[in-house]
């Protein structure tokens, strides 16, 4: 998430160069991190996969839920109860 959320957690990151967002490039640059712009072609997803594979990006996944529980997962994110990324598993 961008803006105020990024500012509120920036001090929790030991090395701000590791702060990455796809949401608010201006704020993340101001904080010393970097933005990844979505281009819709899969290029960004491939770049994220490479960064994870290289150990340069470590997204915190708090839960993996089946598609049938997607509504529950969305509610958790919307109410602020999610602490990390929630992955929806599609068969």
PDB file of N, CA and C in Angstrom:
ATOM      1  N   UNK A   1       0.850  -1.172   0.000  1.00  0.00           N
ATOM      2  CA  UNK A   1       0.000   0.000   0.000  1.00  0.00           C
ATOM      3  C   UNK A   1       0.890   1.228   0.000  1.00  0.00           C
ATOM      4  N   UNK A   2       0.382   2.347  -0.447  1.00  0.00           N
ATOM      5  CA  UNK A   2       1.201   3.539  -0.579  1.00  0.00           C
ATOM      6  C   UNK A   2       0.967   4.586   0.481  1.00  0.00           C
ATOM      7  N   UNK A   3       1.515   5.757   0.225  1.00  0.00           N
ATOM      8  CA  UNK A   3       1.314   6.933   1.042  1.00  0.00           C
ATOM      9  C   UNK A   3       1.596   6.766   2.514  1.00  0.00           C
ATOM     10  N   UNK A   4       0.566   7.018   3.322  1.00  0.00           N
ATOM     11  CA  UNK A   4       0.715   6.964   4.775  1.00  0.00           C
ATOM     12  C   UNK A   4       1.146   5.590   5.265  1.00  0.00           C
ATOM     13  N   UNK A   5       0.672   4.533   4.619  1.00  0.00           N
ATOM     14  CA  UNK A   5       1.062   3.179   5.038  1.00  0.00           C
ATOM     15  C   UNK A   5       2.557   2.964   4.850  1.00  0.00           C
ATOM     16  N   UNK A   6       3.090   3.406   3.724  1.00  0.00           N
ATOM     17  CA  UNK A   6       4.532   3.273   3.490  1.00  0.00           C
ATOM     18  C   UNK A   6       5.325   4.062   4.520  1.00  0.00           C
ATOM     19  N   UNK A   7       4.884   5.285   4.785  1.00  0.00           N
ATOM     20  CA  UNK A   7       5.591   6.116   5.762  1.00  0.00           C
ATOM     21  C   UNK A   7       5.570   5.476   7.146  1.00  0.00           C
ATOM     22  N   UNK A   8       4.455   4.846   7.499  1.00  0.00           N
ATOM     23  CA  UNK A   8       4.322   4.284   8.850  1.00  0.00           C
ATOM     24  C   UNK A   8       5.198   3.054   9.075  1.00  0.00           C
ATOM     25  N   UNK A   9       5.571   2.360   8.012  1.00  0.00           N
ATOM     26  CA  UNK A   9       6.393   1.155   8.183  1.00  0.00           C
ATOM     27  C   UNK A   9       7.839   1.329   7.740  1.00  0.00           C
ATOM     28  N   UNK A  10       8.169   2.457   7.152  1.00  0.00           N
ATOM     29  CA  UNK A  10       9.519   2.657   6.607  1.00  0.00           C
ATOM     30  C   UNK A  10      10.603   2.470   7.657  1.00  0.00           C
ATOM     31  N   UNK A  11      10.363   2.906   8.881  1.00  0.00           N
ATOM     32  CA  UNK A  11      11.375   2.763   9.933  1.00  0.00           C
ATOM     33  C   UNK A  11      11.555   1.320  10.392  1.00  0.00           C
ATOM     34  N   UNK A  12      10.635   0.445  10.020  1.00  0.00           N
ATOM     35  CA  UNK A  12      10.744  -0.965  10.389  1.00  0.00           C
ATOM     36  C   UNK A  12      11.667  -1.732   9.443  1.00  0.00           C
ATOM     37  N   UNK A  13      11.990  -1.123   8.319  1.00  0.00           N
ATOM     38  CA  UNK A  13      12.850  -1.758   7.325  1.00  0.00           C
ATOM     39  C   UNK A  13      14.295  -1.355   7.607  1.00  0.00           C
ATOM     40  N   UNK A  14      15.143  -2.331   7.858  1.00  0.00           N
ATOM     41  CA  UNK A  14      16.539  -2.045   8.206  1.00  0.00           C
ATOM     42  C   UNK A  14      17.262  -1.299   7.086  1.00  0.00           C
ATOM     43  N   UNK A  15      17.017  -1.680   5.854  1.00  0.00           N
ATOM     44  CA  UNK A  15      17.667  -1.059   4.706  1.00  0.00           C
ATOM     45  C   UNK A  15      16.570  -0.542   3.783  1.00  0.00           C
ATOM     46  N   UNK A  16      16.353   0.754   3.775  1.00  0.00           N
ATOM     47  CA  UNK A  16      15.254   1.328   2.997  1.00  0.00           C
ATOM     48  C   UNK A  16      15.385   1.080   1.495  1.00  0.00           C
ATOM     49  N   UNK A  17      16.561   0.740   1.035  1.00  0.00           N
ATOM     50  CA  UNK A  17      16.719   0.397  -0.378  1.00  0.00           C
ATOM     51  C   UNK A  17      15.937  -0.873  -0.709  1.00  0.00           C
ATOM     52  N   UNK A  18      15.537  -1.626   0.323  1.00  0.00           N
ATOM     53  CA  UNK A  18      14.770  -2.860   0.116  1.00  0.00           C
ATOM     54  C   UNK A  18      13.267  -2.612   0.126  1.00  0.00           C
ATOM     55  N   UNK A  19      12.860  -1.366   0.322  1.00  0.00           N
ATOM     56  CA  UNK A  19      11.453  -0.991   0.319  1.00  0.00           C
ATOM     57  C   UNK A  19      10.982  -0.910  -1.131  1.00  0.00           C
ATOM     58  N   UNK A  20       9.972  -1.703  -1.485  1.00  0.00           N
ATOM     59  CA  UNK A  20       9.494  -1.777  -2.869  1.00  0.00           C
ATOM     60  C   UNK A  20       7.982  -1.629  -2.875  1.00  0.00           C
ATOM     61  N   UNK A  21       7.454  -0.915  -3.862  1.00  0.00           N
ATOM     62  CA  UNK A  21       6.014  -0.797  -4.013  1.00  0.00           C
ATOM     63  C   UNK A  21       5.643  -0.746  -5.490  1.00  0.00           C
ATOM     64  N   UNK A  22       4.408  -1.123  -5.774  1.00  0.00           N
ATOM     65  CA  UNK A  22       3.853  -0.934  -7.112  1.00  0.00           C
ATOM     66  C   UNK A  22       2.797   0.156  -7.069  1.00  0.00           C
ATOM     67  N   UNK A  23       2.565   0.727  -5.879  1.00  0.00           N
ATOM     68  CA  UNK A  23       1.439   1.626  -5.667  1.00  0.00           C
ATOM     69  C   UNK A  23       1.807   3.104  -5.709  1.00  0.00           C
ATOM     70  N   UNK A  24       2.830   3.515  -4.988  1.00  0.00           N
ATOM     71  CA  UNK A  24       3.113   4.933  -4.800  1.00  0.00           C
ATOM     72  C   UNK A  24       4.591   5.244  -5.046  1.00  0.00           C
ATOM     73  N   UNK A  25       4.991   5.376  -6.314  1.00  0.00           N
ATOM     74  CA  UNK A  25       6.405   5.562  -6.618  1.00  0.00           C
ATOM     75  C   UNK A  25       7.015   6.815  -6.007  1.00  0.00           C
ATOM     76  N   UNK A  26       6.251   7.898  -5.906  1.00  0.00           N
ATOM     77  CA  UNK A  26       6.783   9.132  -5.338  1.00  0.00           C
ATOM     78  C   UNK A  26       7.172   8.985  -3.882  1.00  0.00           C
ATOM     79  N   UNK A  27       6.295   8.381  -3.095  1.00  0.00           N
ATOM     80  CA  UNK A  27       6.556   8.225  -1.663  1.00  0.00           C
ATOM     81  C   UNK A  27       7.688   7.243  -1.421  1.00  0.00           C
ATOM     82  N   UNK A  28       7.710   6.130  -2.127  1.00  0.00           N
ATOM     83  CA  UNK A  28       8.770   5.147  -1.891  1.00  0.00           C
ATOM     84  C   UNK A  28      10.130   5.722  -2.281  1.00  0.00           C
ATOM     85  N   UNK A  29      10.189   6.539  -3.317  1.00  0.00           N
ATOM     86  CA  UNK A  29      11.453   7.180  -3.694  1.00  0.00           C
ATOM     87  C   UNK A  29      11.882   8.171  -2.615  1.00  0.00           C
ATOM     88  N   UNK A  30      10.923   8.918  -2.088  1.00  0.00           N
ATOM     89  CA  UNK A  30      11.186   9.865  -0.998  1.00  0.00           C
ATOM     90  C   UNK A  30      11.762   9.149   0.221  1.00  0.00           C
ATOM     91  N   UNK A  31      11.327   7.914   0.451  1.00  0.00           N
ATOM     92  CA  UNK A  31      11.770   7.134   1.609  1.00  0.00           C
ATOM     93  C   UNK A  31      13.061   6.360   1.343  1.00  0.00           C
ATOM     94  N   UNK A  32      13.551   6.394   0.107  1.00  0.00           N
ATOM     95  CA  UNK A  32      14.804   5.710  -0.210  1.00  0.00           C
ATOM     96  C   UNK A  32      14.634   4.349  -0.847  1.00  0.00           C
ATOM     97  N   UNK A  33      13.399   3.991  -1.174  1.00  0.00           N
ATOM     98  CA  UNK A  33      13.143   2.693  -1.798  1.00  0.00           C
ATOM     99  C   UNK A  33      13.001   2.824  -3.298  1.00  0.00           C
ATOM    100  N   UNK A  34      12.311   1.861  -3.897  1.00  0.00           N
ATOM    101  CA  UNK A  34      12.116   1.904  -5.339  1.00  0.00           C
ATOM    102  C   UNK A  34      10.720   1.431  -5.693  1.00  0.00           C
ATOM    103  N   UNK A  35      10.262   1.891  -6.833  1.00  0.00           N
ATOM    104  CA  UNK A  35       8.939   1.522  -7.318  1.00  0.00           C
ATOM    105  C   UNK A  35       9.084   0.612  -8.525  1.00  0.00           C
ATOM    106  N   UNK A  36       8.121  -0.263  -8.673  1.00  0.00           N
ATOM    107  CA  UNK A  36       8.033  -1.104  -9.855  1.00  0.00           C
ATOM    108  C   UNK A  36       6.702  -0.759 -10.501  1.00  0.00           C
ATOM    109  N   UNK A  37       6.744  -0.324 -11.744  1.00  0.00           N
ATOM    110  CA  UNK A  37       5.540   0.093 -12.442  1.00  0.00           C
ATOM    111  C   UNK A  37       4.966  -1.094 -13.192  1.00  0.00           C
ATOM    112  N   UNK A  38       3.677  -1.294 -13.028  1.00  0.00           N
ATOM    113  CA  UNK A  38       3.011  -2.400 -13.717  1.00  0.00           C
ATOM    114  C   UNK A  38       2.815  -2.047 -15.187  1.00  0.00           C
ATOM    115  N   UNK A  39       3.162  -2.958 -16.052  1.00  0.00           N
ATOM    116  CA  UNK A  39       2.958  -2.711 -17.476  1.00  0.00           C
ATOM    117  C   UNK A  39       1.924  -3.650 -18.081  1.00  0.00           C
ATOM    118  N   UNK A  40       1.390  -4.547 -17.298  1.00  0.00           N
ATOM    119  CA  UNK A  40       0.324  -5.411 -17.761  1.00  0.00           C
ATOM    120  C   UNK A  40       0.745  -6.532 -18.689  1.00  0.00           C
ATOM    121  N   UNK A  41       2.039  -6.647 -18.992  1.00  0.00           N
ATOM    122  CA  UNK A  41       2.466  -7.658 -19.957  1.00  0.00           C
ATOM    123  C   UNK A  41       3.050  -8.907 -19.309  1.00  0.00           C
ATOM    124  N   UNK A  42       3.159  -8.906 -17.998  1.00  0.00           N
ATOM    125  CA  UNK A  42       3.793 -10.027 -17.321  1.00  0.00           C
ATOM    126  C   UNK A  42       5.259  -9.767 -17.046  1.00  0.00           C
ATOM    127  N   UNK A  43       5.797  -8.697 -17.621  1.00  0.00           N
ATOM    128  CA  UNK A  43       7.202  -8.357 -17.417  1.00  0.00           C
ATOM    129  C   UNK A  43       7.481  -8.072 -15.948  1.00  0.00           C
ATOM    130  N   UNK A  44       6.591  -7.318 -15.316  1.00  0.00           N
ATOM    131  CA  UNK A  44       6.786  -6.972 -13.904  1.00  0.00           C
ATOM    132  C   UNK A  44       6.701  -8.216 -13.037  1.00  0.00           C
ATOM    133  N   UNK A  45       5.746  -9.082 -13.318  1.00  0.00           N
ATOM    134  CA  UNK A  45       5.626 -10.319 -12.549  1.00  0.00           C
ATOM    135  C   UNK A  45       6.896 -11.151 -12.686  1.00  0.00           C
ATOM    136  N   UNK A  46       7.442 -11.210 -13.875  1.00  0.00           N
ATOM    137  CA  UNK A  46       8.692 -11.948 -14.087  1.00  0.00           C
ATOM    138  C   UNK A  46       9.834 -11.307 -13.303  1.00  0.00           C
ATOM    139  N   UNK A  47       9.863  -9.974 -13.256  1.00  0.00           N
ATOM    140  CA  UNK A  47      10.905  -9.275 -12.495  1.00  0.00           C
ATOM    141  C   UNK A  47      10.756  -9.558 -11.001  1.00  0.00           C
ATOM    142  N   UNK A  48       9.520  -9.525 -10.493  1.00  0.00           N
ATOM    143  CA  UNK A  48       9.288  -9.875  -9.087  1.00  0.00           C
ATOM    144  C   UNK A  48       9.748 -11.302  -8.806  1.00  0.00           C
ATOM    145  N   UNK A  49       9.410 -12.224  -9.692  1.00  0.00           N
ATOM    146  CA  UNK A  49       9.813 -13.623  -9.503  1.00  0.00           C
ATOM    147  C   UNK A  49      11.331 -13.747  -9.468  1.00  0.00           C
ATOM    148  N   UNK A  50      12.025 -13.006 -10.332  1.00  0.00           N
ATOM    149  CA  UNK A  50      13.482 -13.035 -10.347  1.00  0.00           C
ATOM    150  C   UNK A  50      14.048 -12.475  -9.045  1.00  0.00           C
ATOM    151  N   UNK A  51      13.489 -11.355  -8.564  1.00  0.00           N
ATOM    152  CA  UNK A  51      13.965 -10.757  -7.313  1.00  0.00           C
ATOM    153  C   UNK A  51      13.764 -11.707  -6.135  1.00  0.00           C
ATOM    154  N   UNK A  52      12.629 -12.397  -6.105  1.00  0.00           N
ATOM    155  CA  UNK A  52      12.374 -13.372  -5.039  1.00  0.00           C
ATOM    156  C   UNK A  52      13.350 -14.532  -5.164  1.00  0.00           C
ATOM    157  N   UNK A  53      13.520 -15.041  -6.375  1.00  0.00           N
ATOM    158  CA  UNK A  53      14.431 -16.159  -6.612  1.00  0.00           C
ATOM    159  C   UNK A  53      15.869 -15.819  -6.228  1.00  0.00           C
ATOM    160  N   UNK A  54      16.272 -14.574  -6.485  1.00  0.00           N
ATOM    161  CA  UNK A  54      17.632 -14.126  -6.154  1.00  0.00           C
ATOM    162  C   UNK A  54      17.797 -13.758  -4.683  1.00  0.00           C
ATOM    163  N   UNK A  55      16.698 -13.833  -3.922  1.00  0.00           N
ATOM    164  CA  UNK A  55      16.770 -13.487  -2.502  1.00  0.00           C
ATOM    165  C   UNK A  55      16.813 -11.996  -2.235  1.00  0.00           C
ATOM    166  N   UNK A  56      16.498 -11.185  -3.240  1.00  0.00           N
ATOM    167  CA  UNK A  56      16.528  -9.731  -3.080  1.00  0.00           C
ATOM    168  C   UNK A  56      15.188  -9.165  -2.647  1.00  0.00           C
ATOM    169  N   UNK A  57      14.138  -9.964  -2.746  1.00  0.00           N
ATOM    170  CA  UNK A  57      12.802  -9.547  -2.342  1.00  0.00           C
ATOM    171  C   UNK A  57      12.178 -10.696  -1.581  1.00  0.00           C
ATOM    172  N   UNK A  58      11.693 -10.414  -0.394  1.00  0.00           N
ATOM    173  CA  UNK A  58      11.118 -11.456   0.455  1.00  0.00           C
ATOM    174  C   UNK A  58       9.727 -11.027   0.904  1.00  0.00           C
ATOM    175  N   UNK A  59       8.721 -11.247   0.040  1.00  0.00           N
ATOM    176  CA  UNK A  59       7.370 -10.842   0.419  1.00  0.00           C
ATOM    177  C   UNK A  59       6.857 -11.719   1.556  1.00  0.00           C
ATOM    178  N   UNK A  60       6.273 -11.091   2.557  1.00  0.00           N
ATOM    179  CA  UNK A  60       5.726 -11.845   3.685  1.00  0.00           C
ATOM    180  C   UNK A  60       4.336 -12.342   3.307  1.00  0.00           C
ATOM    181  N   UNK A  61       4.179 -13.646   3.208  1.00  0.00           N
ATOM    182  CA  UNK A  61       2.884 -14.257   2.905  1.00  0.00           C
ATOM    183  C   UNK A  61       2.298 -14.733   4.222  1.00  0.00           C
ATOM    184  N   UNK A  62       1.182 -14.118   4.612  1.00  0.00           N
ATOM    185  CA  UNK A  62       0.580 -14.471   5.893  1.00  0.00           C
ATOM    186  C   UNK A  62      -0.406 -15.621   5.784  1.00  0.00           C
ATOM    187  N   UNK A  63      -0.951 -15.841   4.583  1.00  0.00           N
ATOM    188  CA  UNK A  63      -1.950 -16.902   4.450  1.00  0.00           C
ATOM    189  C   UNK A  63      -2.101 -17.286   2.982  1.00  0.00           C
ATOM    190  N   UNK A  64      -2.424 -18.540   2.756  1.00  0.00           N
ATOM    191  CA  UNK A  64      -2.781 -19.037   1.429  1.00  0.00           C
ATOM    192  C   UNK A  64      -4.163 -19.644   1.574  1.00  0.00           C
ATOM    193  N   UNK A  65      -5.120 -19.129   0.806  1.00  0.00           N
ATOM    194  CA  UNK A  65      -6.495 -19.597   0.939  1.00  0.00           C
ATOM    195  C   UNK A  65      -6.999 -20.098  -0.406  1.00  0.00           C
ATOM    196  N   UNK A  66      -7.911 -21.077  -0.376  1.00  0.00           N
ATOM    197  CA  UNK A  66      -8.489 -21.551  -1.634  1.00  0.00           C
ATOM    198  C   UNK A  66      -9.436 -20.497  -2.213  1.00  0.00           C
ATOM    199  N   UNK A  67      -9.685 -20.582  -3.495  1.00  0.00           N
ATOM    200  CA  UNK A  67     -10.557 -19.642  -4.186  1.00  0.00           C
ATOM    201  C   UNK A  67     -11.907 -19.498  -3.481  1.00  0.00           C
ATOM    202  N   UNK A  68     -12.403 -20.582  -2.918  1.00  0.00           N
ATOM    203  CA  UNK A  68     -13.702 -20.553  -2.241  1.00  0.00           C
ATOM    204  C   UNK A  68     -13.712 -19.586  -1.053  1.00  0.00           C
ATOM    205  N   UNK A  69     -12.541 -19.273  -0.500  1.00  0.00           N
ATOM    206  CA  UNK A  69     -12.454 -18.368   0.657  1.00  0.00           C
ATOM    207  C   UNK A  69     -11.941 -16.980   0.267  1.00  0.00           C
ATOM    208  N   UNK A  70     -12.001 -16.657  -1.024  1.00  0.00           N
ATOM    209  CA  UNK A  70     -11.485 -15.369  -1.496  1.00  0.00           C
ATOM    210  C   UNK A  70     -12.204 -14.196  -0.839  1.00  0.00           C
ATOM    211  N   UNK A  71     -13.491 -14.311  -0.636  1.00  0.00           N
ATOM    212  CA  UNK A  71     -14.253 -13.244   0.022  1.00  0.00           C
ATOM    213  C   UNK A  71     -13.768 -12.994   1.434  1.00  0.00           C
ATOM    214  N   UNK A  72     -13.497 -14.055   2.150  1.00  0.00           N
ATOM    215  CA  UNK A  72     -12.962 -13.963   3.512  1.00  0.00           C
ATOM    216  C   UNK A  72     -11.587 -13.286   3.503  1.00  0.00           C
ATOM    217  N   UNK A  73     -10.757 -13.658   2.540  1.00  0.00           N
ATOM    218  CA  UNK A  73      -9.420 -13.067   2.424  1.00  0.00           C
ATOM    219  C   UNK A  73      -9.514 -11.575   2.125  1.00  0.00           C
ATOM    220  N   UNK A  74     -10.392 -11.195   1.217  1.00  0.00           N
ATOM    221  CA  UNK A  74     -10.578  -9.789   0.878  1.00  0.00           C
ATOM    222  C   UNK A  74     -11.061  -8.997   2.088  1.00  0.00           C
ATOM    223  N   UNK A  75     -11.986  -9.566   2.844  1.00  0.00           N
ATOM    224  CA  UNK A  75     -12.478  -8.893   4.053  1.00  0.00           C
ATOM    225  C   UNK A  75     -11.346  -8.672   5.050  1.00  0.00           C
ATOM    226  N   UNK A  76     -10.461  -9.636   5.171  1.00  0.00           N
ATOM    227  CA  UNK A  76      -9.317  -9.516   6.079  1.00  0.00           C
ATOM    228  C   UNK A  76      -8.408  -8.362   5.664  1.00  0.00           C
ATOM    229  N   UNK A  77      -8.194  -8.217   4.370  1.00  0.00           N
ATOM    230  CA  UNK A  77      -7.358  -7.122   3.859  1.00  0.00           C
ATOM    231  C   UNK A  77      -8.060  -5.783   4.070  1.00  0.00           C
ATOM    232  N   UNK A  78      -9.345  -5.724   3.726  1.00  0.00           N
ATOM    233  CA  UNK A  78     -10.090  -4.465   3.820  1.00  0.00           C
ATOM    234  C   UNK A  78     -10.219  -3.958   5.250  1.00  0.00           C
ATOM    235  N   UNK A  79     -10.287  -4.853   6.214  1.00  0.00           N
ATOM    236  CA  UNK A  79     -10.435  -4.436   7.611  1.00  0.00           C
ATOM    237  C   UNK A  79      -9.099  -4.217   8.300  1.00  0.00           C
ATOM    238  N   UNK A  80      -8.004  -4.457   7.575  1.00  0.00           N
ATOM    239  CA  UNK A  80      -6.684  -4.230   8.147  1.00  0.00           C
ATOM    240  C   UNK A  80      -6.173  -5.354   9.016  1.00  0.00           C
ATOM    241  N   UNK A  81      -6.827  -6.519   8.974  1.00  0.00           N
ATOM    242  CA  UNK A  81      -6.407  -7.647   9.804  1.00  0.00           C
ATOM    243  C   UNK A  81      -5.313  -8.498   9.160  1.00  0.00           C
ATOM    244  N   UNK A  82      -5.082  -8.305   7.875  1.00  0.00           N
ATOM    245  CA  UNK A  82      -4.038  -9.077   7.191  1.00  0.00           C
ATOM    246  C   UNK A  82      -2.672  -8.516   7.561  1.00  0.00           C
ATOM    247  N   UNK A  83      -1.746  -9.378   7.897  1.00  0.00           N
ATOM    248  CA  UNK A  83      -0.378  -8.974   8.232  1.00  0.00           C
ATOM    249  C   UNK A  83       0.574  -9.600   7.227  1.00  0.00           C
ATOM    250  N   UNK A  84       0.548  -9.096   6.029  1.00  0.00           N
ATOM    251  CA  UNK A  84       1.340  -9.651   4.947  1.00  0.00           C
ATOM    252  C   UNK A  84       0.440  -9.916   3.755  1.00  0.00           C
ATOM    253  N   UNK A  85       0.987 -10.541   2.761  1.00  0.00           N
ATOM    254  CA  UNK A  85       0.229 -10.845   1.549  1.00  0.00           C
ATOM    255  C   UNK A  85      -0.634 -12.079   1.771  1.00  0.00           C
ATOM    256  N   UNK A  86      -1.805 -12.054   1.179  1.00  0.00           N
ATOM    257  CA  UNK A  86      -2.678 -13.225   1.190  1.00  0.00           C
ATOM    258  C   UNK A  86      -2.722 -13.742  -0.245  1.00  0.00           C
ATOM    259  N   UNK A  87      -2.378 -14.996  -0.413  1.00  0.00           N
ATOM    260  CA  UNK A  87      -2.364 -15.627  -1.727  1.00  0.00           C
ATOM    261  C   UNK A  87      -3.645 -16.425  -1.885  1.00  0.00           C
ATOM    262  N   UNK A  88      -4.321 -16.234  -3.008  1.00  0.00           N
ATOM    263  CA  UNK A  88      -5.527 -17.006  -3.300  1.00  0.00           C
ATOM    264  C   UNK A  88      -5.129 -18.103  -4.274  1.00  0.00           C
ATOM    265  N   UNK A  89      -5.306 -19.336  -3.835  1.00  0.00           N
ATOM    266  CA  UNK A  89      -4.928 -20.500  -4.625  1.00  0.00           C
ATOM    267  C   UNK A  89      -6.066 -20.866  -5.573  1.00  0.00           C
ATOM    268  N   UNK A  90      -5.759 -20.893  -6.859  1.00  0.00           N
ATOM    269  CA  UNK A  90      -6.753 -21.233  -7.872  1.00  0.00           C
ATOM    270  C   UNK A  90      -6.385 -22.594  -8.440  1.00  0.00           C
ATOM    271  N   UNK A  91      -7.346 -23.551  -8.365  1.00  0.00           N
ATOM    272  CA  UNK A  91      -7.038 -24.908  -8.853  1.00  0.00           C
ATOM    273  C   UNK A  91      -6.794 -24.936 -10.352  1.00  0.00           C
TER     274      UNK A  91
END
